[in-house]
Amino acid sequence: MSTPGTTGSHGSAGDAGAAGDAALSHLPHHLRRAIEITPAAGTRERIIDITTRGRRTGRARRLEIFFYRAAGATYLCSGAGGAATDWHANLLADPHFTFHLKNGVRADLPALATPVTDPAERQAVLAEIVADLNQPHDPGTIRPTRLEDWADSRLMRVTFPRP
């Protein structure tokens, strides 16, 4: 199933809350619910696949990855350490990709990735992601997590373009 989304720019992380909710408003309710995870969400709800276009080969590249919700928006993040990743390099070369929901709700959503480079926004978003991962009821495997370990993470904001 393909369902288009919305593009939109976000100012600071604090501004993204209202804009993030509006950015999903055109999606069917069941898809919004699957994307708008909360800190109570378990590991399974956070796992998606993405398909990017290879920056050198031009071929489709599908991989499993966690997604995060912070400041009312959706993000992909490389995690602690900030090591280079092919998915991030591919999205820098071509920001259009497919966001594949696969746990509970199944859908293939056209999406757009925007690198988060503003230091204040990065700090706010990463702090929220780390706080989320450190929830005592989160059955995730990435714990304990310290913000300073995530400072160099590759961070992309995800939007879902309108048709």
C-alpha atoms as a PDB file:
ATOM      1  CA  MET A   1       0.000   0.000   0.000  1.00  0.00           C
ATOM      2  CA  SER A   2       1.406   3.402  -0.877  1.00  0.00           C
ATOM      3  CA  THR A   3       0.179   6.457   0.913  1.00  0.00           C
ATOM      4  CA  PRO A   4       1.701   9.858   0.204  1.00  0.00           C
ATOM      5  CA  GLY A   5       2.664  12.310   2.967  1.00  0.00           C
ATOM      6  CA  THR A   6       3.647  15.934   3.377  1.00  0.00           C
ATOM      7  CA  THR A   7       6.729  18.021   3.101  1.00  0.00           C
ATOM      8  CA  GLY A   8       7.308  20.942   5.286  1.00  0.00           C
ATOM      9  CA  SER A   9      10.080  22.851   6.907  1.00  0.00           C
ATOM     10  CA  HIS A  10      10.559  23.009  10.601  1.00  0.00           C
ATOM     11  CA  GLY A  11      12.232  25.807  12.487  1.00  0.00           C
ATOM     12  CA  SER A  12      13.685  24.894  15.842  1.00  0.00           C
ATOM     13  CA  ALA A  13      12.880  21.627  17.537  1.00  0.00           C
ATOM     14  CA  GLY A  14      10.375  23.481  19.690  1.00  0.00           C
ATOM     15  CA  ASP A  15       8.535  24.654  16.585  1.00  0.00           C
ATOM     16  CA  ALA A  16       8.452  21.168  15.104  1.00  0.00           C
ATOM     17  CA  GLY A  17       5.775  19.923  17.505  1.00  0.00           C
ATOM     18  CA  ALA A  18       2.844  21.711  15.930  1.00  0.00           C
ATOM     19  CA  ALA A  19       4.284  21.440  12.423  1.00  0.00           C
ATOM     20  CA  GLY A  20       5.045  17.732  12.904  1.00  0.00           C
ATOM     21  CA  ASP A  21       1.438  16.919  13.795  1.00  0.00           C
ATOM     22  CA  ALA A  22       0.166  18.899  10.791  1.00  0.00           C
ATOM     23  CA  ALA A  23       2.735  17.147   8.605  1.00  0.00           C
ATOM     24  CA  LEU A  24       0.950  13.829   9.192  1.00  0.00           C
ATOM     25  CA  SER A  25      -2.618  15.133   9.085  1.00  0.00           C
ATOM     26  CA  HIS A  26      -3.206  14.010   5.491  1.00  0.00           C
ATOM     27  CA  LEU A  27      -2.328  10.388   6.285  1.00  0.00           C
ATOM     28  CA  PRO A  28      -5.043   7.872   7.222  1.00  0.00           C
ATOM     29  CA  HIS A  29      -5.542   7.560  10.975  1.00  0.00           C
ATOM     30  CA  HIS A  30      -4.034   4.050  11.244  1.00  0.00           C
ATOM     31  CA  LEU A  31      -0.819   5.222   9.545  1.00  0.00           C
ATOM     32  CA  ARG A  32      -0.559   8.335  11.736  1.00  0.00           C
ATOM     33  CA  ARG A  33      -0.942   6.154  14.844  1.00  0.00           C
ATOM     34  CA  ALA A  34       1.836   3.826  13.646  1.00  0.00           C
ATOM     35  CA  ILE A  35       4.200   6.763  13.047  1.00  0.00           C
ATOM     36  CA  GLU A  36       3.304   8.866  16.093  1.00  0.00           C
ATOM     37  CA  ILE A  37       4.960   6.533  18.590  1.00  0.00           C
ATOM     38  CA  THR A  38       5.401   7.616  22.200  1.00  0.00           C
ATOM     39  CA  PRO A  39       8.054   6.770  24.800  1.00  0.00           C
ATOM     40  CA  ALA A  40       5.779   3.884  25.832  1.00  0.00           C
ATOM     41  CA  ALA A  41       6.310   2.206  22.437  1.00  0.00           C
ATOM     42  CA  GLY A  42       8.355  -0.950  22.478  1.00  0.00           C
ATOM     43  CA  THR A  43      11.221  -1.886  20.220  1.00  0.00           C
ATOM     44  CA  ARG A  44       8.978  -3.657  17.701  1.00  0.00           C
ATOM     45  CA  GLU A  45       6.916  -0.514  16.998  1.00  0.00           C
ATOM     46  CA  ARG A  46      10.096   1.480  16.326  1.00  0.00           C
ATOM     47  CA  ILE A  47      11.502  -0.807  13.634  1.00  0.00           C
ATOM     48  CA  ILE A  48      10.881  -0.033   9.989  1.00  0.00           C
ATOM     49  CA  ASP A  49      12.623  -0.659   6.703  1.00  0.00           C
ATOM     50  CA  ILE A  50      13.742   2.135   4.431  1.00  0.00           C
ATOM     51  CA  THR A  51      14.600   1.947   0.765  1.00  0.00           C
ATOM     52  CA  THR A  52      17.113   4.495  -0.476  1.00  0.00           C
ATOM     53  CA  ARG A  53      18.708   4.914  -3.887  1.00  0.00           C
ATOM     54  CA  GLY A  54      22.406   3.943  -3.908  1.00  0.00           C
ATOM     55  CA  ARG A  55      24.482   7.081  -4.441  1.00  0.00           C
ATOM     56  CA  ARG A  56      26.999   5.258  -6.657  1.00  0.00           C
ATOM     57  CA  THR A  57      24.985   2.444  -8.203  1.00  0.00           C
ATOM     58  CA  GLY A  58      21.552   4.044  -8.404  1.00  0.00           C
ATOM     59  CA  ARG A  59      20.064   0.733  -7.236  1.00  0.00           C
ATOM     60  CA  ALA A  60      17.416   0.442  -4.549  1.00  0.00           C
ATOM     61  CA  ARG A  61      18.868  -0.357  -1.110  1.00  0.00           C
ATOM     62  CA  ARG A  62      16.507  -1.641   1.583  1.00  0.00           C
ATOM     63  CA  LEU A  63      17.521  -1.941   5.236  1.00  0.00           C
ATOM     64  CA  GLU A  64      16.016  -2.278   8.678  1.00  0.00           C
ATOM     65  CA  ILE A  65      16.345   0.727  10.996  1.00  0.00           C
ATOM     66  CA  PHE A  66      14.802   2.317  14.066  1.00  0.00           C
ATOM     67  CA  PHE A  67      12.813   5.505  13.676  1.00  0.00           C
ATOM     68  CA  TYR A  68      12.224   8.041  16.415  1.00  0.00           C
ATOM     69  CA  ARG A  69       9.652  10.681  17.326  1.00  0.00           C
ATOM     70  CA  ALA A  70      10.921  13.865  18.934  1.00  0.00           C
ATOM     71  CA  ALA A  71       9.581  17.409  19.075  1.00  0.00           C
ATOM     72  CA  GLY A  72       6.484  16.244  17.203  1.00  0.00           C
ATOM     73  CA  ALA A  73       8.444  15.093  14.154  1.00  0.00           C
ATOM     74  CA  THR A  74       9.829  11.826  12.779  1.00  0.00           C
ATOM     75  CA  TYR A  75      13.576  11.130  12.614  1.00  0.00           C
ATOM     76  CA  LEU A  76      16.138   8.599  11.466  1.00  0.00           C
ATOM     77  CA  CYS A  77      19.348   8.543  13.478  1.00  0.00           C
ATOM     78  CA  SER A  78      22.576   6.564  13.189  1.00  0.00           C
ATOM     79  CA  GLY A  79      22.786   6.136  16.953  1.00  0.00           C
ATOM     80  CA  ALA A  80      25.635   6.406  19.400  1.00  0.00           C
ATOM     81  CA  GLY A  81      29.106   6.973  18.031  1.00  0.00           C
ATOM     82  CA  GLY A  82      28.107   8.760  14.848  1.00  0.00           C
ATOM     83  CA  ALA A  83      29.828   6.321  12.497  1.00  0.00           C
ATOM     84  CA  ALA A  84      29.271   6.916   8.791  1.00  0.00           C
ATOM     85  CA  THR A  85      26.367   4.967   7.324  1.00  0.00           C
ATOM     86  CA  ASP A  86      25.449   4.158   3.747  1.00  0.00           C
ATOM     87  CA  TRP A  87      21.776   5.044   4.317  1.00  0.00           C
ATOM     88  CA  HIS A  88      22.751   8.547   5.463  1.00  0.00           C
ATOM     89  CA  ALA A  89      25.146   9.090   2.548  1.00  0.00           C
ATOM     90  CA  ASN A  90      22.481   7.812   0.132  1.00  0.00           C
ATOM     91  CA  LEU A  91      19.874  10.219   1.560  1.00  0.00           C
ATOM     92  CA  LEU A  92      22.294  13.142   1.302  1.00  0.00           C
ATOM     93  CA  ALA A  93      22.712  12.311  -2.397  1.00  0.00           C
ATOM     94  CA  ASP A  94      18.965  11.723  -2.974  1.00  0.00           C
ATOM     95  CA  PRO A  95      16.615  12.635  -0.097  1.00  0.00           C
ATOM     96  CA  HIS A  96      13.634  10.756  -1.561  1.00  0.00           C
ATOM     97  CA  PHE A  97      13.096   7.309  -0.060  1.00  0.00           C
ATOM     98  CA  THR A  98      10.440   4.807   0.999  1.00  0.00           C
ATOM     99  CA  PHE A  99       9.470   4.466   4.672  1.00  0.00           C
ATOM    100  CA  HIS A 100       8.173   0.900   5.106  1.00  0.00           C
ATOM    101  CA  LEU A 101       5.901   0.309   8.095  1.00  0.00           C
ATOM    102  CA  LYS A 102       6.015  -3.403   8.831  1.00  0.00           C
ATOM    103  CA  ASN A 103       4.957  -4.165  12.383  1.00  0.00           C
ATOM    104  CA  GLY A 104       1.213  -4.268  12.889  1.00  0.00           C
ATOM    105  CA  VAL A 105       0.454  -1.765  10.148  1.00  0.00           C
ATOM    106  CA  ARG A 106       2.032  -2.425   6.758  1.00  0.00           C
ATOM    107  CA  ALA A 107       2.514   0.442   4.315  1.00  0.00           C
ATOM    108  CA  ASP A 108       5.124   1.797   1.912  1.00  0.00           C
ATOM    109  CA  LEU A 109       5.190   5.579   2.309  1.00  0.00           C
ATOM    110  CA  PRO A 110       7.024   7.985   0.020  1.00  0.00           C
ATOM    111  CA  ALA A 111       9.203  10.131   2.269  1.00  0.00           C
ATOM    112  CA  LEU A 112      11.747  12.925   2.181  1.00  0.00           C
ATOM    113  CA  ALA A 113      14.825  13.168   4.438  1.00  0.00           C
ATOM    114  CA  THR A 114      16.309  16.476   5.561  1.00  0.00           C
ATOM    115  CA  PRO A 115      19.616  16.553   7.461  1.00  0.00           C
ATOM    116  CA  VAL A 116      19.347  18.246  10.862  1.00  0.00           C
ATOM    117  CA  THR A 117      22.394  20.495  11.057  1.00  0.00           C
ATOM    118  CA  ASP A 118      21.311  23.354  13.347  1.00  0.00           C
ATOM    119  CA  PRO A 119      23.191  22.739  16.636  1.00  0.00           C
ATOM    120  CA  ALA A 120      20.304  23.817  18.889  1.00  0.00           C
ATOM    121  CA  GLU A 121      17.784  21.658  17.023  1.00  0.00           C
ATOM    122  CA  ARG A 122      20.165  18.664  17.002  1.00  0.00           C
ATOM    123  CA  GLN A 123      20.747  19.007  20.747  1.00  0.00           C
ATOM    124  CA  ALA A 124      17.016  19.223  21.531  1.00  0.00           C
ATOM    125  CA  VAL A 125      16.058  16.322  19.255  1.00  0.00           C
ATOM    126  CA  LEU A 126      18.897  14.057  20.389  1.00  0.00           C
ATOM    127  CA  ALA A 127      18.128  14.830  24.049  1.00  0.00           C
ATOM    128  CA  GLU A 128      14.528  13.757  23.490  1.00  0.00           C
ATOM    129  CA  ILE A 129      15.586  10.579  21.655  1.00  0.00           C
ATOM    130  CA  VAL A 130      18.028   9.635  24.424  1.00  0.00           C
ATOM    131  CA  ALA A 131      15.439  10.335  27.139  1.00  0.00           C
ATOM    132  CA  ASP A 132      12.982   8.146  25.225  1.00  0.00           C
ATOM    133  CA  LEU A 133      15.509   5.305  24.943  1.00  0.00           C
ATOM    134  CA  ASN A 134      16.229   5.502  28.665  1.00  0.00           C
ATOM    135  CA  GLN A 135      12.609   4.945  29.680  1.00  0.00           C
ATOM    136  CA  PRO A 136      12.548   2.177  32.300  1.00  0.00           C
ATOM    137  CA  HIS A 137       9.702   0.378  30.512  1.00  0.00           C
ATOM    138  CA  ASP A 138      11.345   0.526  27.070  1.00  0.00           C
ATOM    139  CA  PRO A 139      12.322  -3.024  26.136  1.00  0.00           C
ATOM    140  CA  GLY A 140      14.833  -1.670  23.615  1.00  0.00           C
ATOM    141  CA  THR A 141      18.366  -2.955  23.502  1.00  0.00           C
ATOM    142  CA  ILE A 142      20.088   0.444  23.359  1.00  0.00           C
ATOM    143  CA  ARG A 143      20.512   1.189  27.063  1.00  0.00           C
ATOM    144  CA  PRO A 144      21.885   2.853  29.133  1.00  0.00           C
ATOM    145  CA  THR A 145      22.204   5.718  26.701  1.00  0.00           C
ATOM    146  CA  ARG A 146      24.088   8.975  27.278  1.00  0.00           C
ATOM    147  CA  LEU A 147      23.470  12.128  25.264  1.00  0.00           C
ATOM    148  CA  GLU A 148      27.186  12.830  24.816  1.00  0.00           C
ATOM    149  CA  ASP A 149      27.549   9.458  23.051  1.00  0.00           C
ATOM    150  CA  TRP A 150      24.982  10.555  20.458  1.00  0.00           C
ATOM    151  CA  ALA A 151      26.410  14.032  19.766  1.00  0.00           C
ATOM    152  CA  ASP A 152      27.927  13.027  16.399  1.00  0.00           C
ATOM    153  CA  SER A 153      24.982  10.903  15.240  1.00  0.00           C
ATOM    154  CA  ARG A 154      23.732  11.226  11.688  1.00  0.00           C
ATOM    155  CA  LEU A 155      20.263  12.769  12.091  1.00  0.00           C
ATOM    156  CA  MET A 156      17.584  13.144   9.407  1.00  0.00           C
ATOM    157  CA  ARG A 157      14.101  14.622   9.772  1.00  0.00           C
ATOM    158  CA  VAL A 158      11.507  12.632   7.831  1.00  0.00           C
ATOM    159  CA  THR A 159       8.527  14.212   6.120  1.00  0.00           C
ATOM    160  CA  PHE A 160       5.808  12.555   4.102  1.00  0.00           C
ATOM    161  CA  PRO A 161       5.029  14.571   0.944  1.00  0.00           C
ATOM    162  CA  ARG A 162       1.450  15.350   0.068  1.00  0.00           C
ATOM    163  CA  PRO A 163       0.259  13.969  -3.271  1.00  0.00           C
END
